[in-house]
Amino acid sequence: MIRLSIILIVTLASATIAQAAPCVLGNSLGYREFSLPRNSVCVIKRYGVLGMSLVSMKITVRPKLGKFGSASISELAYRAENVAGDDYFEYISTQSLSGGAPHDYRTRNVVHVTP
């Protein structure tokens, strides 16, 4: 019985991880385009460009076919709803290079939500 329980837990954990993030993207300071299936999540790592630190972030255009926001302290995420089509959102990240004056960087995101 214990062996069956362990196998079941490992299987459920693997299935949850697979459903959680079909795509993982790095940071971008400009333009990003990606595709993902309906009802899925894409994780965007929030690490800065080498030598830069993130000061703040503001969503300027919200997506229409999904949701975008923080997934954790080090990750953002886009979650596609149950509608296929093209989506768009953008945000401005304020970043500082080695303690220097902060600068704003607009990131435009085009998402192709597939059936």
C-alpha atoms as a PDB file:
ATOM      1  CA  MET A   1       0.000   0.000   0.000  1.00  0.00           C
ATOM      2  CA  ILE A   2       2.839   2.419   0.816  1.00  0.00           C
ATOM      3  CA  ARG A   3       4.525   1.759  -2.535  1.00  0.00           C
ATOM      4  CA  LEU A   4       1.283   2.504  -4.428  1.00  0.00           C
ATOM      5  CA  SER A   5       0.809   5.751  -2.471  1.00  0.00           C
ATOM      6  CA  ILE A   6       4.329   6.912  -3.296  1.00  0.00           C
ATOM      7  CA  ILE A   7       3.828   6.175  -6.998  1.00  0.00           C
ATOM      8  CA  LEU A   8       0.512   8.045  -6.963  1.00  0.00           C
ATOM      9  CA  ILE A   9       2.034  11.097  -5.239  1.00  0.00           C
ATOM     10  CA  VAL A  10       4.960  11.214  -7.700  1.00  0.00           C
ATOM     11  CA  THR A  11       2.562  10.888 -10.646  1.00  0.00           C
ATOM     12  CA  LEU A  12       0.285  13.666  -9.369  1.00  0.00           C
ATOM     13  CA  ALA A  13       3.241  15.938  -8.634  1.00  0.00           C
ATOM     14  CA  SER A  14       4.646  15.395 -12.131  1.00  0.00           C
ATOM     15  CA  ALA A  15       1.264  16.120 -13.718  1.00  0.00           C
ATOM     16  CA  THR A  16       0.902  19.342 -11.707  1.00  0.00           C
ATOM     17  CA  ILE A  17       4.367  20.553 -12.727  1.00  0.00           C
ATOM     18  CA  ALA A  18       3.687  19.758 -16.389  1.00  0.00           C
ATOM     19  CA  GLN A  19       0.399  21.690 -16.348  1.00  0.00           C
ATOM     20  CA  ALA A  20       1.813  24.635 -14.416  1.00  0.00           C
ATOM     21  CA  ALA A  21       4.146  26.041 -17.066  1.00  0.00           C
ATOM     22  CA  PRO A  22       4.166  24.815 -20.662  1.00  0.00           C
ATOM     23  CA  CYS A  23       6.588  27.635 -21.464  1.00  0.00           C
ATOM     24  CA  VAL A  24       9.252  29.505 -19.547  1.00  0.00           C
ATOM     25  CA  LEU A  25      10.663  32.770 -20.870  1.00  0.00           C
ATOM     26  CA  GLY A  26      13.533  34.979 -19.806  1.00  0.00           C
ATOM     27  CA  ASN A  27      13.480  38.703 -19.186  1.00  0.00           C
ATOM     28  CA  SER A  28      13.051  41.032 -22.162  1.00  0.00           C
ATOM     29  CA  LEU A  29      13.546  44.767 -22.578  1.00  0.00           C
ATOM     30  CA  GLY A  30      11.606  45.534 -25.731  1.00  0.00           C
ATOM     31  CA  TYR A  31       9.558  42.941 -27.593  1.00  0.00           C
ATOM     32  CA  ARG A  32       8.513  39.373 -26.930  1.00  0.00           C
ATOM     33  CA  GLU A  33       6.269  37.033 -28.922  1.00  0.00           C
ATOM     34  CA  PHE A  34       5.210  33.573 -27.791  1.00  0.00           C
ATOM     35  CA  SER A  35       2.506  30.927 -28.208  1.00  0.00           C
ATOM     36  CA  LEU A  36       0.752  28.711 -25.702  1.00  0.00           C
ATOM     37  CA  PRO A  37      -2.414  26.591 -25.536  1.00  0.00           C
ATOM     38  CA  ARG A  38      -5.695  27.773 -24.034  1.00  0.00           C
ATOM     39  CA  ASN A  39      -6.008  27.361 -20.248  1.00  0.00           C
ATOM     40  CA  SER A  40      -2.245  27.235 -19.709  1.00  0.00           C
ATOM     41  CA  VAL A  41       0.446  29.346 -18.064  1.00  0.00           C
ATOM     42  CA  CYS A  42       3.711  30.810 -19.291  1.00  0.00           C
ATOM     43  CA  VAL A  43       6.247  31.761 -16.622  1.00  0.00           C
ATOM     44  CA  ILE A  44       8.493  34.759 -17.265  1.00  0.00           C
ATOM     45  CA  LYS A  45      11.665  34.821 -15.189  1.00  0.00           C
ATOM     46  CA  ARG A  46      12.160  38.226 -13.605  1.00  0.00           C
ATOM     47  CA  TYR A  47      15.941  38.229 -13.438  1.00  0.00           C
ATOM     48  CA  GLY A  48      17.540  41.442 -14.632  1.00  0.00           C
ATOM     49  CA  VAL A  49      19.987  42.005 -17.403  1.00  0.00           C
ATOM     50  CA  LEU A  50      23.559  41.496 -16.168  1.00  0.00           C
ATOM     51  CA  GLY A  51      24.443  44.352 -13.813  1.00  0.00           C
ATOM     52  CA  MET A  52      20.892  45.731 -13.736  1.00  0.00           C
ATOM     53  CA  SER A  53      18.451  45.578 -10.844  1.00  0.00           C
ATOM     54  CA  LEU A  54      14.687  45.878 -11.067  1.00  0.00           C
ATOM     55  CA  VAL A  55      13.367  48.936  -9.229  1.00  0.00           C
ATOM     56  CA  SER A  56       9.667  48.733 -10.159  1.00  0.00           C
ATOM     57  CA  MET A  57       7.218  47.484 -12.760  1.00  0.00           C
ATOM     58  CA  LYS A  58       3.910  48.875 -14.036  1.00  0.00           C
ATOM     59  CA  ILE A  59       1.441  47.172 -16.392  1.00  0.00           C
ATOM     60  CA  THR A  60       0.414  49.765 -18.995  1.00  0.00           C
ATOM     61  CA  VAL A  61      -1.766  47.598 -21.277  1.00  0.00           C
ATOM     62  CA  ARG A  62      -3.593  44.623 -19.775  1.00  0.00           C
ATOM     63  CA  PRO A  63      -4.206  41.478 -21.863  1.00  0.00           C
ATOM     64  CA  LYS A  64      -7.728  40.770 -23.143  1.00  0.00           C
ATOM     65  CA  LEU A  65      -7.600  36.948 -23.482  1.00  0.00           C
ATOM     66  CA  GLY A  66      -5.701  36.139 -20.301  1.00  0.00           C
ATOM     67  CA  LYS A  67      -4.177  37.488 -17.123  1.00  0.00           C
ATOM     68  CA  PHE A  68      -0.690  38.827 -16.475  1.00  0.00           C
ATOM     69  CA  GLY A  69       0.980  39.452 -13.125  1.00  0.00           C
ATOM     70  CA  SER A  70       3.416  38.236 -10.490  1.00  0.00           C
ATOM     71  CA  ALA A  71       3.732  34.506  -9.956  1.00  0.00           C
ATOM     72  CA  SER A  72       6.410  34.780  -7.256  1.00  0.00           C
ATOM     73  CA  ILE A  73       9.110  37.153  -6.099  1.00  0.00           C
ATOM     74  CA  SER A  74      11.302  36.129  -9.045  1.00  0.00           C
ATOM     75  CA  GLU A  75       8.712  35.277 -11.714  1.00  0.00           C
ATOM     76  CA  LEU A  76       5.919  36.876 -13.691  1.00  0.00           C
ATOM     77  CA  ALA A  77       3.264  34.834 -15.461  1.00  0.00           C
ATOM     78  CA  TYR A  78       0.732  35.053 -18.278  1.00  0.00           C
ATOM     79  CA  ARG A  79      -2.267  32.743 -17.884  1.00  0.00           C
ATOM     80  CA  ALA A  80      -4.325  32.089 -21.011  1.00  0.00           C
ATOM     81  CA  GLU A  81      -8.059  31.751 -20.536  1.00  0.00           C
ATOM     82  CA  ASN A  82     -10.301  29.376 -22.532  1.00  0.00           C
ATOM     83  CA  VAL A  83     -10.311  31.531 -25.709  1.00  0.00           C
ATOM     84  CA  ALA A  84      -7.973  31.081 -28.684  1.00  0.00           C
ATOM     85  CA  GLY A  85      -6.647  34.105 -30.550  1.00  0.00           C
ATOM     86  CA  ASP A  86      -3.985  36.775 -30.424  1.00  0.00           C
ATOM     87  CA  ASP A  87      -3.472  38.748 -27.235  1.00  0.00           C
ATOM     88  CA  TYR A  88      -1.306  41.736 -26.356  1.00  0.00           C
ATOM     89  CA  PHE A  89      -0.033  43.321 -23.157  1.00  0.00           C
ATOM     90  CA  GLU A  90       2.784  45.617 -22.198  1.00  0.00           C
ATOM     91  CA  TYR A  91       4.554  46.814 -19.105  1.00  0.00           C
ATOM     92  CA  ILE A  92       7.261  49.268 -18.126  1.00  0.00           C
ATOM     93  CA  SER A  93      10.072  48.059 -15.909  1.00  0.00           C
ATOM     94  CA  THR A  94      12.273  50.596 -14.174  1.00  0.00           C
ATOM     95  CA  GLN A  95      15.795  49.262 -13.830  1.00  0.00           C
ATOM     96  CA  SER A  96      19.055  50.619 -12.486  1.00  0.00           C
ATOM     97  CA  LEU A  97      22.492  49.764 -13.859  1.00  0.00           C
ATOM     98  CA  SER A  98      24.980  49.157 -11.002  1.00  0.00           C
ATOM     99  CA  GLY A  99      23.298  51.653  -8.679  1.00  0.00           C
ATOM    100  CA  GLY A 100      23.122  54.381 -11.346  1.00  0.00           C
ATOM    101  CA  ALA A 101      20.089  56.433 -12.293  1.00  0.00           C
ATOM    102  CA  PRO A 102      17.006  54.292 -13.021  1.00  0.00           C
ATOM    103  CA  HIS A 103      15.694  54.014 -16.577  1.00  0.00           C
ATOM    104  CA  ASP A 104      12.301  52.882 -17.885  1.00  0.00           C
ATOM    105  CA  TYR A 105      12.065  50.011 -20.392  1.00  0.00           C
ATOM    106  CA  ARG A 106       8.787  49.216 -22.179  1.00  0.00           C
ATOM    107  CA  THR A 107       8.218  45.546 -23.015  1.00  0.00           C
ATOM    108  CA  ARG A 108       5.576  44.698 -25.614  1.00  0.00           C
ATOM    109  CA  ASN A 109       4.218  41.147 -25.541  1.00  0.00           C
ATOM    110  CA  VAL A 110       2.312  39.409 -28.326  1.00  0.00           C
ATOM    111  CA  VAL A 111       0.724  36.112 -27.304  1.00  0.00           C
ATOM    112  CA  HIS A 112      -0.772  33.576 -29.697  1.00  0.00           C
ATOM    113  CA  VAL A 113      -3.270  31.515 -27.696  1.00  0.00           C
ATOM    114  CA  THR A 114      -3.827  28.261 -29.594  1.00  0.00           C
ATOM    115  CA  PRO A 115      -6.836  25.893 -29.424  1.00  0.00           C
END
